Amino acid sequence: MKRVPVQQKVLKENDRIAMELRRLFARRGVLALNLISSPGSGKTSLLEQTLQRLPGDIRASVLTGDIATDNDAMRLARFGSARQITTGGSCHLDAKMVESALAGVTAGQLDILFIENVGNLVCPAGFDLGEDAKVVVLSVTEGDDKPLKYPNIFVRSEVMILNKIDLLPHVPFDIDTVYANAQKIHPGIEMIRTSCTTGEGIEHWLAWLRRRLERVRSRPAAS
């Protein structure tokens, strides 16, 4: 009898649920974004700035994943709707976790769903969560060779947020190099430079969100 690898079964089931989530988001006109980064890149700070500055006519919610604690959800709840997904040891979110966390959420009253994945550049890259796009967040404290060392997440991401640019004078990081490396992995990937400390670049990120949301709103209604 032919044995099917466990990982293949897990991914197949994950992809089935992710497709159902994608159809749900499409039906309800929700832009779903999967934010992925190393620990400490500033994803939560970026989401704090985003929720504070989003126009009042854009309704947003966050699902935030961590191995333990609900610290990030508590931080983000001050600025809007936030739910914690505690993985209990898993190094990534999967579609079933997202589906369960969305139970009871009125998606008809939502425009953008931010999924803040567990801090990890490896495992989350391989799991579809039904998102419209993956967003990789990289801080200038991590090294400008990250796209070459972790190619899977960069090739699958629509945009790269280069965060903590206020620290550039203090770290050996070259923006031209990181962009060139990202382009080698994913030609055409967009880069947005941000600082959650000074607020620099946040408006460019918000403009990208508005453009991406308009694409969702303009697509034909899903059945």
N, C-alpha and C. Protein backbone atom coordinates (compact mmCIF):
# COMPACT_ATOMS: atom_id res chain seq x y z
N MET A 1 0.85 -1.20 0.00
CA MET A 1 0.00 0.00 0.00
C MET A 1 0.88 1.25 0.00
N LYS A 2 0.55 2.16 -0.86
CA LYS A 2 1.33 3.39 -0.96
C LYS A 2 1.03 4.30 0.22
N ARG A 3 2.09 4.80 0.85
CA ARG A 3 1.93 5.69 2.00
C ARG A 3 2.02 7.14 1.54
N VAL A 4 1.09 7.94 2.00
CA VAL A 4 1.09 9.37 1.67
C VAL A 4 1.77 10.12 2.80
N PRO A 5 2.81 10.90 2.52
CA PRO A 5 3.50 11.63 3.59
C PRO A 5 2.53 12.49 4.39
N VAL A 6 2.75 12.52 5.69
CA VAL A 6 1.87 13.30 6.58
C VAL A 6 1.85 14.76 6.18
N GLN A 7 3.03 15.31 5.85
CA GLN A 7 3.11 16.73 5.49
C GLN A 7 2.23 17.04 4.28
N GLN A 8 2.21 16.11 3.31
CA GLN A 8 1.39 16.33 2.13
C GLN A 8 -0.09 16.38 2.49
N LYS A 9 -0.51 15.49 3.40
CA LYS A 9 -1.90 15.49 3.85
C LYS A 9 -2.24 16.80 4.56
N VAL A 10 -1.33 17.24 5.42
CA VAL A 10 -1.56 18.48 6.17
C VAL A 10 -1.70 19.66 5.23
N LEU A 11 -0.81 19.78 4.25
CA LEU A 11 -0.86 20.89 3.31
C LEU A 11 -2.10 20.84 2.43
N LYS A 12 -2.51 19.64 2.05
CA LYS A 12 -3.71 19.50 1.22
C LYS A 12 -4.94 19.98 1.96
N GLU A 13 -5.06 19.60 3.23
CA GLU A 13 -6.19 20.04 4.03
C GLU A 13 -6.11 21.54 4.28
N ASN A 14 -4.91 22.04 4.54
CA ASN A 14 -4.73 23.47 4.73
C ASN A 14 -5.17 24.25 3.50
N ASP A 15 -4.77 23.78 2.32
CA ASP A 15 -5.11 24.47 1.07
C ASP A 15 -6.62 24.44 0.82
N ARG A 16 -7.28 23.36 1.22
CA ARG A 16 -8.74 23.28 1.05
C ARG A 16 -9.43 24.36 1.90
N ILE A 17 -9.02 24.48 3.15
CA ILE A 17 -9.63 25.48 4.04
C ILE A 17 -9.26 26.88 3.57
N ALA A 18 -8.01 27.06 3.11
CA ALA A 18 -7.58 28.37 2.62
C ALA A 18 -8.42 28.81 1.43
N MET A 19 -8.76 27.90 0.55
CA MET A 19 -9.59 28.23 -0.60
C MET A 19 -10.98 28.66 -0.16
N GLU A 20 -11.52 28.00 0.85
CA GLU A 20 -12.83 28.41 1.37
C GLU A 20 -12.76 29.80 1.98
N LEU A 21 -11.67 30.08 2.71
CA LEU A 21 -11.50 31.42 3.27
C LEU A 21 -11.37 32.47 2.17
N ARG A 22 -10.62 32.14 1.12
CA ARG A 22 -10.43 33.10 0.02
C ARG A 22 -11.76 33.43 -0.64
N ARG A 23 -12.59 32.41 -0.83
CA ARG A 23 -13.92 32.64 -1.41
C ARG A 23 -14.78 33.49 -0.49
N LEU A 24 -14.68 33.24 0.82
CA LEU A 24 -15.44 34.03 1.79
C LEU A 24 -15.01 35.49 1.74
N PHE A 25 -13.70 35.74 1.76
CA PHE A 25 -13.20 37.11 1.71
C PHE A 25 -13.63 37.80 0.41
N ALA A 26 -13.57 37.07 -0.70
CA ALA A 26 -13.96 37.64 -1.99
C ALA A 26 -15.44 37.99 -2.02
N ARG A 27 -16.26 37.10 -1.48
CA ARG A 27 -17.71 37.36 -1.45
C ARG A 27 -18.03 38.62 -0.66
N ARG A 28 -17.30 38.83 0.40
CA ARG A 28 -17.62 39.92 1.31
C ARG A 28 -16.76 41.16 1.09
N GLY A 29 -15.92 41.13 0.04
CA GLY A 29 -15.12 42.30 -0.29
C GLY A 29 -14.07 42.65 0.73
N VAL A 30 -13.50 41.64 1.39
CA VAL A 30 -12.49 41.85 2.43
C VAL A 30 -11.10 41.66 1.83
N LEU A 31 -10.21 42.62 2.07
CA LEU A 31 -8.81 42.49 1.72
C LEU A 31 -8.10 41.81 2.88
N ALA A 32 -7.58 40.60 2.65
CA ALA A 32 -6.88 39.85 3.70
C ALA A 32 -5.38 39.85 3.40
N LEU A 33 -4.59 40.26 4.38
CA LEU A 33 -3.14 40.36 4.21
C LEU A 33 -2.44 39.54 5.28
N ASN A 34 -1.44 38.78 4.86
CA ASN A 34 -0.68 37.91 5.75
C ASN A 34 0.69 38.55 5.97
N LEU A 35 0.94 39.10 7.17
CA LEU A 35 2.19 39.79 7.47
C LEU A 35 3.17 38.80 8.12
N ILE A 36 4.34 38.68 7.51
CA ILE A 36 5.33 37.69 7.94
C ILE A 36 6.68 38.37 8.12
N SER A 37 7.38 37.98 9.19
CA SER A 37 8.70 38.56 9.44
C SER A 37 9.43 37.75 10.49
N SER A 38 10.69 38.09 10.71
CA SER A 38 11.44 37.57 11.85
C SER A 38 10.90 38.20 13.14
N PRO A 39 11.16 37.57 14.29
CA PRO A 39 10.80 38.22 15.56
C PRO A 39 11.51 39.57 15.70
N GLY A 40 10.78 40.57 16.19
CA GLY A 40 11.40 41.85 16.47
C GLY A 40 11.53 42.80 15.31
N SER A 41 10.91 42.45 14.17
CA SER A 41 11.02 43.34 13.00
C SER A 41 10.13 44.58 13.13
N GLY A 42 9.14 44.51 14.02
CA GLY A 42 8.25 45.66 14.20
C GLY A 42 6.88 45.48 13.57
N LYS A 43 6.43 44.24 13.35
CA LYS A 43 5.10 44.03 12.76
C LYS A 43 4.00 44.65 13.61
N THR A 44 4.06 44.41 14.92
CA THR A 44 3.00 44.91 15.80
C THR A 44 3.01 46.43 15.84
N SER A 45 4.19 47.03 15.90
CA SER A 45 4.28 48.49 15.87
C SER A 45 3.74 49.05 14.56
N LEU A 46 4.04 48.37 13.46
CA LEU A 46 3.51 48.80 12.16
C LEU A 46 1.99 48.74 12.15
N LEU A 47 1.43 47.68 12.73
CA LEU A 47 -0.03 47.56 12.78
C LEU A 47 -0.63 48.62 13.70
N GLU A 48 0.04 48.94 14.79
CA GLU A 48 -0.45 50.02 15.65
C GLU A 48 -0.55 51.33 14.87
N GLN A 49 0.52 51.67 14.15
CA GLN A 49 0.52 52.89 13.34
C GLN A 49 -0.57 52.83 12.27
N THR A 50 -0.73 51.67 11.67
CA THR A 50 -1.72 51.50 10.60
C THR A 50 -3.12 51.70 11.11
N LEU A 51 -3.47 51.04 12.20
CA LEU A 51 -4.83 51.14 12.75
C LEU A 51 -5.14 52.56 13.20
N GLN A 52 -4.13 53.25 13.76
CA GLN A 52 -4.35 54.63 14.20
C GLN A 52 -4.61 55.57 13.03
N ARG A 53 -3.96 55.32 11.89
CA ARG A 53 -3.97 56.28 10.80
C ARG A 53 -4.93 55.94 9.66
N LEU A 54 -5.49 54.74 9.68
CA LEU A 54 -6.43 54.40 8.61
C LEU A 54 -7.61 55.36 8.61
N PRO A 55 -8.10 55.76 7.44
CA PRO A 55 -9.29 56.62 7.39
C PRO A 55 -10.48 55.95 8.06
N GLY A 56 -11.38 56.76 8.58
CA GLY A 56 -12.52 56.23 9.31
C GLY A 56 -13.45 55.38 8.49
N ASP A 57 -13.40 55.52 7.16
CA ASP A 57 -14.31 54.74 6.32
C ASP A 57 -13.75 53.36 5.98
N ILE A 58 -12.54 53.05 6.47
CA ILE A 58 -11.96 51.72 6.26
C ILE A 58 -11.97 50.98 7.58
N ARG A 59 -12.71 49.89 7.62
CA ARG A 59 -12.86 49.11 8.85
C ARG A 59 -11.87 47.95 8.82
N ALA A 60 -11.06 47.86 9.87
CA ALA A 60 -9.99 46.86 9.89
C ALA A 60 -10.04 46.04 11.17
N SER A 61 -9.52 44.82 11.06
CA SER A 61 -9.39 43.94 12.20
C SER A 61 -8.09 43.18 12.07
N VAL A 62 -7.58 42.67 13.20
CA VAL A 62 -6.30 41.96 13.22
C VAL A 62 -6.47 40.61 13.90
N LEU A 63 -5.89 39.58 13.27
CA LEU A 63 -5.65 38.30 13.93
C LEU A 63 -4.15 38.21 14.15
N THR A 64 -3.72 38.05 15.38
CA THR A 64 -2.29 38.05 15.63
C THR A 64 -1.86 36.72 16.24
N GLY A 65 -0.85 36.11 15.65
CA GLY A 65 -0.41 34.79 16.07
C GLY A 65 0.89 34.82 16.85
N ASP A 66 0.92 34.05 17.94
CA ASP A 66 2.13 33.89 18.74
C ASP A 66 2.14 32.50 19.35
N ILE A 67 3.31 32.03 19.67
CA ILE A 67 3.43 30.72 20.31
C ILE A 67 2.81 30.77 21.71
N ALA A 68 3.00 31.88 22.42
CA ALA A 68 2.44 32.04 23.76
C ALA A 68 2.14 33.52 24.00
N THR A 69 1.31 33.79 24.99
CA THR A 69 0.85 35.11 25.44
C THR A 69 -0.12 35.76 24.45
N ASP A 70 -0.89 36.72 24.97
CA ASP A 70 -1.78 37.52 24.12
C ASP A 70 -1.34 38.98 24.15
N ASN A 71 -0.04 39.20 24.34
CA ASN A 71 0.48 40.57 24.48
C ASN A 71 0.20 41.43 23.26
N ASP A 72 0.40 40.88 22.07
CA ASP A 72 0.22 41.68 20.86
C ASP A 72 -1.25 42.06 20.66
N ALA A 73 -2.16 41.12 20.91
CA ALA A 73 -3.58 41.43 20.77
C ALA A 73 -4.00 42.51 21.75
N MET A 74 -3.46 42.48 22.96
CA MET A 74 -3.78 43.50 23.95
C MET A 74 -3.28 44.86 23.49
N ARG A 75 -2.10 44.90 22.90
CA ARG A 75 -1.57 46.17 22.37
C ARG A 75 -2.46 46.72 21.27
N LEU A 76 -2.85 45.84 20.35
CA LEU A 76 -3.60 46.27 19.17
C LEU A 76 -5.06 46.57 19.48
N ALA A 77 -5.60 45.95 20.52
CA ALA A 77 -7.01 46.15 20.86
C ALA A 77 -7.29 47.60 21.25
N ARG A 78 -6.27 48.35 21.63
CA ARG A 78 -6.47 49.77 21.97
C ARG A 78 -6.88 50.58 20.76
N PHE A 79 -6.57 50.05 19.55
CA PHE A 79 -6.81 50.82 18.33
C PHE A 79 -7.89 50.22 17.44
N GLY A 80 -8.48 49.11 17.87
CA GLY A 80 -9.52 48.49 17.06
C GLY A 80 -9.71 47.04 17.43
N SER A 81 -10.31 46.31 16.54
CA SER A 81 -10.61 44.90 16.77
C SER A 81 -9.36 44.05 16.60
N ALA A 82 -9.05 43.23 17.61
CA ALA A 82 -7.89 42.35 17.55
C ALA A 82 -8.18 41.06 18.29
N ARG A 83 -7.80 39.95 17.69
CA ARG A 83 -7.96 38.64 18.31
C ARG A 83 -6.62 37.91 18.29
N GLN A 84 -6.33 37.23 19.39
CA GLN A 84 -5.08 36.48 19.49
C GLN A 84 -5.29 35.04 19.08
N ILE A 85 -4.33 34.51 18.31
CA ILE A 85 -4.27 33.09 18.03
C ILE A 85 -2.99 32.58 18.70
N THR A 86 -3.13 31.77 19.73
CA THR A 86 -1.99 31.20 20.43
C THR A 86 -1.76 29.79 19.90
N THR A 87 -0.61 29.57 19.28
CA THR A 87 -0.38 28.30 18.58
C THR A 87 0.05 27.18 19.50
N GLY A 88 0.51 27.52 20.71
CA GLY A 88 0.92 26.48 21.64
C GLY A 88 2.17 25.74 21.23
N GLY A 89 3.00 26.35 20.42
CA GLY A 89 4.26 25.74 20.02
C GLY A 89 4.49 25.72 18.52
N SER A 90 3.43 25.80 17.73
CA SER A 90 3.59 25.79 16.29
C SER A 90 4.26 27.08 15.83
N CYS A 91 5.17 26.96 14.85
CA CYS A 91 5.96 28.11 14.41
C CYS A 91 5.28 28.90 13.30
N HIS A 92 3.98 28.63 13.04
CA HIS A 92 3.27 29.34 11.99
C HIS A 92 1.77 29.24 12.25
N LEU A 93 1.03 30.10 11.61
CA LEU A 93 -0.42 29.97 11.58
C LEU A 93 -0.80 29.06 10.41
N ASP A 94 -1.93 28.37 10.54
CA ASP A 94 -2.46 27.64 9.41
C ASP A 94 -3.90 28.09 9.16
N ALA A 95 -4.48 27.63 8.06
CA ALA A 95 -5.80 28.11 7.65
C ALA A 95 -6.88 27.73 8.66
N LYS A 96 -6.74 26.56 9.29
CA LYS A 96 -7.73 26.14 10.28
C LYS A 96 -7.74 27.08 11.48
N MET A 97 -6.57 27.52 11.92
CA MET A 97 -6.48 28.47 13.03
C MET A 97 -7.20 29.77 12.67
N VAL A 98 -6.98 30.24 11.44
CA VAL A 98 -7.62 31.49 11.00
C VAL A 98 -9.13 31.30 10.92
N GLU A 99 -9.57 30.18 10.36
CA GLU A 99 -10.99 29.89 10.26
C GLU A 99 -11.65 29.89 11.63
N SER A 100 -11.01 29.25 12.61
CA SER A 100 -11.56 29.18 13.96
C SER A 100 -11.60 30.56 14.62
N ALA A 101 -10.54 31.35 14.41
CA ALA A 101 -10.48 32.68 15.01
C ALA A 101 -11.53 33.62 14.43
N LEU A 102 -11.94 33.36 13.19
CA LEU A 102 -12.92 34.22 12.54
C LEU A 102 -14.36 33.86 12.91
N ALA A 103 -14.55 32.75 13.61
CA ALA A 103 -15.90 32.35 14.01
C ALA A 103 -16.53 33.46 14.84
N GLY A 104 -17.68 33.91 14.43
CA GLY A 104 -18.38 34.96 15.16
C GLY A 104 -18.04 36.37 14.71
N VAL A 105 -17.01 36.51 13.86
CA VAL A 105 -16.66 37.84 13.33
C VAL A 105 -17.59 38.18 12.18
N THR A 106 -18.16 39.35 12.22
CA THR A 106 -19.07 39.79 11.17
C THR A 106 -18.25 40.35 10.02
N ALA A 107 -17.91 39.47 9.08
CA ALA A 107 -17.04 39.89 7.97
C ALA A 107 -17.70 40.93 7.09
N GLY A 108 -19.04 41.03 7.12
CA GLY A 108 -19.71 42.03 6.31
C GLY A 108 -19.45 43.44 6.78
N GLN A 109 -18.90 43.58 8.00
CA GLN A 109 -18.57 44.89 8.53
C GLN A 109 -17.07 45.11 8.57
N LEU A 110 -16.36 44.48 7.63
CA LEU A 110 -14.91 44.51 7.63
C LEU A 110 -14.39 44.78 6.22
N ASP A 111 -13.39 45.66 6.14
CA ASP A 111 -12.76 45.97 4.85
C ASP A 111 -11.39 45.31 4.71
N ILE A 112 -10.58 45.38 5.78
CA ILE A 112 -9.24 44.81 5.75
C ILE A 112 -9.05 43.89 6.95
N LEU A 113 -8.55 42.69 6.69
CA LEU A 113 -8.15 41.78 7.75
C LEU A 113 -6.64 41.62 7.69
N PHE A 114 -5.96 42.06 8.75
CA PHE A 114 -4.52 41.86 8.88
C PHE A 114 -4.29 40.58 9.68
N ILE A 115 -3.50 39.67 9.12
CA ILE A 115 -3.12 38.45 9.83
C ILE A 115 -1.64 38.59 10.18
N GLU A 116 -1.36 38.82 11.45
CA GLU A 116 0.03 38.96 11.90
C GLU A 116 0.55 37.58 12.26
N ASN A 117 1.37 37.01 11.40
CA ASN A 117 1.83 35.64 11.58
C ASN A 117 2.88 35.55 12.69
N VAL A 118 3.17 34.33 13.10
CA VAL A 118 4.21 34.08 14.10
C VAL A 118 5.55 34.56 13.55
N GLY A 119 6.38 35.13 14.41
CA GLY A 119 7.68 35.64 13.98
C GLY A 119 8.59 34.54 13.46
N ASN A 120 8.70 34.42 12.14
CA ASN A 120 9.45 33.32 11.53
C ASN A 120 9.43 33.55 10.02
N LEU A 121 10.56 33.48 9.37
CA LEU A 121 10.62 33.68 7.92
C LEU A 121 10.56 32.38 7.14
N VAL A 122 10.52 31.23 7.83
CA VAL A 122 10.58 29.94 7.14
C VAL A 122 9.21 29.28 7.06
N CYS A 123 8.72 28.78 8.19
CA CYS A 123 7.49 27.97 8.19
C CYS A 123 6.27 28.72 7.62
N PRO A 124 6.01 29.97 8.01
CA PRO A 124 4.79 30.63 7.50
C PRO A 124 4.73 30.78 5.99
N ALA A 125 5.89 30.76 5.34
CA ALA A 125 5.91 30.95 3.88
C ALA A 125 5.17 29.85 3.15
N GLY A 126 5.12 28.65 3.73
CA GLY A 126 4.53 27.53 3.03
C GLY A 126 3.06 27.29 3.28
N PHE A 127 2.43 28.12 4.12
CA PHE A 127 1.04 27.89 4.49
C PHE A 127 0.15 29.02 3.97
N ASP A 128 -0.74 28.66 3.08
CA ASP A 128 -1.74 29.59 2.54
C ASP A 128 -2.81 29.81 3.60
N LEU A 129 -3.15 31.06 3.87
CA LEU A 129 -4.20 31.38 4.85
C LEU A 129 -5.43 31.98 4.18
N GLY A 130 -5.49 31.88 2.85
CA GLY A 130 -6.61 32.47 2.14
C GLY A 130 -6.43 33.95 1.87
N GLU A 131 -5.23 34.46 2.10
CA GLU A 131 -4.97 35.89 1.97
C GLU A 131 -4.94 36.33 0.52
N ASP A 132 -5.17 37.62 0.31
CA ASP A 132 -4.98 38.22 -1.01
C ASP A 132 -3.50 38.39 -1.32
N ALA A 133 -2.71 38.69 -0.29
CA ALA A 133 -1.28 38.91 -0.51
C ALA A 133 -0.51 38.67 0.78
N LYS A 134 0.71 38.19 0.60
CA LYS A 134 1.65 38.13 1.71
C LYS A 134 2.47 39.42 1.72
N VAL A 135 2.78 39.90 2.91
CA VAL A 135 3.60 41.10 3.09
C VAL A 135 4.76 40.71 4.00
N VAL A 136 5.99 40.82 3.50
CA VAL A 136 7.14 40.49 4.32
C VAL A 136 7.69 41.78 4.94
N VAL A 137 7.93 41.73 6.24
CA VAL A 137 8.46 42.90 6.97
C VAL A 137 9.90 42.59 7.37
N LEU A 138 10.79 43.46 6.98
CA LEU A 138 12.22 43.30 7.26
C LEU A 138 12.73 44.57 7.93
N SER A 139 13.44 44.43 9.04
CA SER A 139 13.99 45.62 9.69
C SER A 139 15.46 45.79 9.32
N VAL A 140 15.95 47.01 9.41
CA VAL A 140 17.33 47.29 9.00
C VAL A 140 18.34 46.71 9.97
N THR A 141 17.89 46.20 11.11
CA THR A 141 18.81 45.59 12.07
C THR A 141 19.10 44.13 11.73
N GLU A 142 18.46 43.59 10.68
CA GLU A 142 18.57 42.16 10.41
C GLU A 142 19.62 41.79 9.38
N GLY A 143 20.05 42.70 8.56
CA GLY A 143 21.02 42.35 7.52
C GLY A 143 20.41 42.44 6.14
N ASP A 144 21.15 43.01 5.20
CA ASP A 144 20.61 43.24 3.85
C ASP A 144 20.69 42.01 2.95
N ASP A 145 21.15 40.87 3.51
CA ASP A 145 21.18 39.63 2.73
C ASP A 145 19.99 38.71 3.01
N LYS A 146 19.04 39.17 3.82
CA LYS A 146 17.91 38.33 4.20
C LYS A 146 17.13 37.77 3.00
N PRO A 147 16.89 38.55 1.93
CA PRO A 147 16.17 37.96 0.80
C PRO A 147 16.87 36.75 0.19
N LEU A 148 18.21 36.76 0.21
CA LEU A 148 18.96 35.64 -0.35
C LEU A 148 18.95 34.44 0.59
N LYS A 149 18.91 34.69 1.89
CA LYS A 149 18.94 33.61 2.87
C LYS A 149 17.58 32.95 3.06
N TYR A 150 16.52 33.72 2.85
CA TYR A 150 15.16 33.20 3.03
C TYR A 150 14.33 33.49 1.79
N PRO A 151 14.66 32.90 0.66
CA PRO A 151 14.04 33.28 -0.61
C PRO A 151 12.55 32.97 -0.70
N ASN A 152 12.08 31.90 -0.07
CA ASN A 152 10.68 31.49 -0.25
C ASN A 152 9.69 32.57 0.11
N ILE A 153 9.92 33.24 1.24
CA ILE A 153 8.95 34.25 1.66
C ILE A 153 9.03 35.48 0.77
N PHE A 154 10.21 35.81 0.28
CA PHE A 154 10.34 36.99 -0.57
C PHE A 154 9.74 36.75 -1.95
N VAL A 155 9.88 35.54 -2.48
CA VAL A 155 9.32 35.25 -3.79
C VAL A 155 7.79 35.20 -3.73
N ARG A 156 7.24 34.91 -2.56
CA ARG A 156 5.79 34.79 -2.42
C ARG A 156 5.12 36.08 -1.93
N SER A 157 5.90 37.08 -1.59
CA SER A 157 5.34 38.32 -1.05
C SER A 157 5.15 39.36 -2.14
N GLU A 158 4.06 40.10 -2.03
CA GLU A 158 3.76 41.15 -3.02
C GLU A 158 4.52 42.43 -2.72
N VAL A 159 4.79 42.65 -1.44
CA VAL A 159 5.47 43.88 -1.04
C VAL A 159 6.39 43.59 0.13
N MET A 160 7.50 44.31 0.20
CA MET A 160 8.44 44.21 1.30
C MET A 160 8.44 45.53 2.06
N ILE A 161 8.11 45.46 3.34
CA ILE A 161 8.20 46.63 4.20
C ILE A 161 9.59 46.65 4.82
N LEU A 162 10.37 47.69 4.54
CA LEU A 162 11.67 47.86 5.17
C LEU A 162 11.48 48.79 6.37
N ASN A 163 11.50 48.21 7.56
CA ASN A 163 11.11 48.92 8.76
C ASN A 163 12.33 49.37 9.59
N LYS A 164 12.08 50.29 10.51
CA LYS A 164 13.08 50.83 11.43
C LYS A 164 14.17 51.62 10.69
N ILE A 165 13.77 52.33 9.63
CA ILE A 165 14.78 53.05 8.85
C ILE A 165 15.40 54.21 9.63
N ASP A 166 14.79 54.59 10.75
CA ASP A 166 15.40 55.63 11.60
C ASP A 166 16.72 55.15 12.19
N LEU A 167 16.95 53.84 12.19
CA LEU A 167 18.19 53.28 12.74
C LEU A 167 19.31 53.17 11.71
N LEU A 168 19.05 53.54 10.47
CA LEU A 168 20.05 53.38 9.41
C LEU A 168 21.41 54.01 9.74
N PRO A 169 21.45 55.19 10.39
CA PRO A 169 22.77 55.77 10.71
C PRO A 169 23.58 54.94 11.70
N HIS A 170 22.95 53.98 12.35
CA HIS A 170 23.61 53.26 13.44
C HIS A 170 23.88 51.78 13.13
N VAL A 171 23.50 51.32 11.96
CA VAL A 171 23.69 49.90 11.63
C VAL A 171 24.32 49.77 10.24
N PRO A 172 25.08 48.68 10.02
CA PRO A 172 25.70 48.45 8.71
C PRO A 172 24.72 47.82 7.73
N PHE A 173 23.82 48.62 7.22
CA PHE A 173 22.77 48.12 6.34
C PHE A 173 22.70 49.01 5.11
N ASP A 174 22.63 48.39 3.93
CA ASP A 174 22.60 49.15 2.69
C ASP A 174 21.26 48.91 1.97
N ILE A 175 20.48 49.98 1.78
CA ILE A 175 19.15 49.85 1.17
C ILE A 175 19.25 49.38 -0.28
N ASP A 176 20.21 49.91 -1.03
CA ASP A 176 20.34 49.49 -2.43
C ASP A 176 20.65 48.00 -2.53
N THR A 177 21.45 47.50 -1.60
CA THR A 177 21.81 46.08 -1.61
C THR A 177 20.61 45.20 -1.29
N VAL A 178 19.84 45.56 -0.27
CA VAL A 178 18.69 44.72 0.09
C VAL A 178 17.66 44.74 -1.03
N TYR A 179 17.49 45.88 -1.67
CA TYR A 179 16.51 45.95 -2.77
C TYR A 179 16.99 45.12 -3.96
N ALA A 180 18.28 45.20 -4.26
CA ALA A 180 18.83 44.41 -5.36
C ALA A 180 18.69 42.91 -5.06
N ASN A 181 18.94 42.53 -3.82
CA ASN A 181 18.81 41.13 -3.43
C ASN A 181 17.36 40.66 -3.54
N ALA A 182 16.43 41.51 -3.11
CA ALA A 182 15.01 41.16 -3.21
C ALA A 182 14.58 41.03 -4.66
N GLN A 183 15.11 41.90 -5.53
CA GLN A 183 14.77 41.85 -6.95
C GLN A 183 15.31 40.58 -7.62
N LYS A 184 16.46 40.10 -7.14
CA LYS A 184 17.00 38.84 -7.67
C LYS A 184 16.04 37.68 -7.38
N ILE A 185 15.44 37.71 -6.20
CA ILE A 185 14.54 36.64 -5.79
C ILE A 185 13.16 36.82 -6.40
N HIS A 186 12.67 38.07 -6.39
CA HIS A 186 11.32 38.37 -6.88
C HIS A 186 11.35 39.66 -7.68
N PRO A 187 11.65 39.58 -8.97
CA PRO A 187 11.66 40.79 -9.80
C PRO A 187 10.31 41.50 -9.74
N GLY A 188 10.35 42.78 -9.45
CA GLY A 188 9.12 43.56 -9.40
C GLY A 188 8.53 43.72 -8.01
N ILE A 189 9.11 43.05 -7.00
CA ILE A 189 8.58 43.21 -5.65
C ILE A 189 8.69 44.68 -5.25
N GLU A 190 7.62 45.18 -4.64
CA GLU A 190 7.60 46.58 -4.21
C GLU A 190 8.23 46.71 -2.84
N MET A 191 8.97 47.78 -2.61
CA MET A 191 9.56 48.04 -1.30
C MET A 191 9.04 49.35 -0.75
N ILE A 192 8.59 49.33 0.51
CA ILE A 192 8.12 50.53 1.19
C ILE A 192 8.97 50.71 2.45
N ARG A 193 9.58 51.86 2.60
CA ARG A 193 10.45 52.14 3.75
C ARG A 193 9.64 52.82 4.85
N THR A 194 9.74 52.29 6.07
CA THR A 194 8.95 52.85 7.16
C THR A 194 9.76 52.97 8.46
N SER A 195 9.32 53.88 9.29
CA SER A 195 9.78 53.97 10.67
C SER A 195 8.56 54.19 11.55
N CYS A 196 8.32 53.28 12.46
CA CYS A 196 7.18 53.43 13.37
C CYS A 196 7.51 54.40 14.50
N THR A 197 8.79 54.75 14.64
CA THR A 197 9.21 55.71 15.66
C THR A 197 8.98 57.14 15.18
N THR A 198 9.36 57.44 13.94
CA THR A 198 9.21 58.80 13.41
C THR A 198 7.95 58.96 12.57
N GLY A 199 7.38 57.84 12.12
CA GLY A 199 6.21 57.90 11.25
C GLY A 199 6.56 58.00 9.77
N GLU A 200 7.86 58.05 9.46
CA GLU A 200 8.28 58.16 8.06
C GLU A 200 7.82 56.95 7.27
N GLY A 201 7.26 57.20 6.11
CA GLY A 201 6.87 56.13 5.21
C GLY A 201 5.52 55.49 5.49
N ILE A 202 4.92 55.78 6.62
CA ILE A 202 3.64 55.14 6.96
C ILE A 202 2.56 55.54 5.95
N GLU A 203 2.60 56.80 5.49
CA GLU A 203 1.62 57.23 4.49
C GLU A 203 1.76 56.47 3.18
N HIS A 204 2.99 56.10 2.82
CA HIS A 204 3.20 55.31 1.61
C HIS A 204 2.57 53.92 1.78
N TRP A 205 2.71 53.34 2.96
CA TRP A 205 2.09 52.06 3.27
C TRP A 205 0.57 52.16 3.23
N LEU A 206 0.02 53.23 3.80
CA LEU A 206 -1.43 53.42 3.77
C LEU A 206 -1.94 53.61 2.35
N ALA A 207 -1.15 54.30 1.53
CA ALA A 207 -1.54 54.48 0.12
C ALA A 207 -1.56 53.14 -0.60
N TRP A 208 -0.58 52.27 -0.30
CA TRP A 208 -0.56 50.94 -0.90
C TRP A 208 -1.81 50.16 -0.47
N LEU A 209 -2.17 50.27 0.80
CA LEU A 209 -3.36 49.58 1.30
C LEU A 209 -4.62 50.07 0.58
N ARG A 210 -4.72 51.38 0.38
CA ARG A 210 -5.90 51.92 -0.32
C ARG A 210 -5.98 51.40 -1.75
N ARG A 211 -4.84 51.38 -2.44
CA ARG A 211 -4.82 50.87 -3.81
C ARG A 211 -5.20 49.40 -3.85
N ARG A 212 -4.66 48.64 -2.91
CA ARG A 212 -4.94 47.19 -2.89
C ARG A 212 -6.40 46.93 -2.53
N LEU A 213 -6.97 47.75 -1.65
CA LEU A 213 -8.37 47.61 -1.29
C LEU A 213 -9.27 47.94 -2.47
N GLU A 214 -8.90 48.94 -3.25
CA GLU A 214 -9.69 49.29 -4.44
C GLU A 214 -9.71 48.14 -5.44
N ARG A 215 -8.61 47.42 -5.55
CA ARG A 215 -8.59 46.25 -6.44
C ARG A 215 -9.59 45.21 -5.96
N VAL A 216 -9.68 45.02 -4.66
CA VAL A 216 -10.64 44.06 -4.10
C VAL A 216 -12.07 44.53 -4.37
N ARG A 217 -12.31 45.81 -4.17
CA ARG A 217 -13.66 46.33 -4.34
C ARG A 217 -14.10 46.33 -5.80
N SER A 218 -13.16 46.39 -6.72
CA SER A 218 -13.50 46.48 -8.14
C SER A 218 -13.63 45.11 -8.83
N ARG A 219 -13.24 44.05 -8.14
CA ARG A 219 -13.31 42.74 -8.78
C ARG A 219 -14.75 42.24 -8.77
N PRO A 220 -15.11 41.38 -9.72
CA PRO A 220 -16.49 40.86 -9.77
C PRO A 220 -16.84 40.11 -8.49
N ALA A 221 -18.08 40.24 -8.07
CA ALA A 221 -18.53 39.56 -6.86
C ALA A 221 -18.41 38.06 -7.02
N ALA A 222 -17.85 37.41 -6.00
CA ALA A 222 -17.71 35.96 -6.03
C ALA A 222 -19.02 35.29 -5.64
N SER A 223 -19.30 34.14 -6.25
CA SER A 223 -20.55 33.44 -5.94
C SER A 223 -20.37 32.57 -4.71
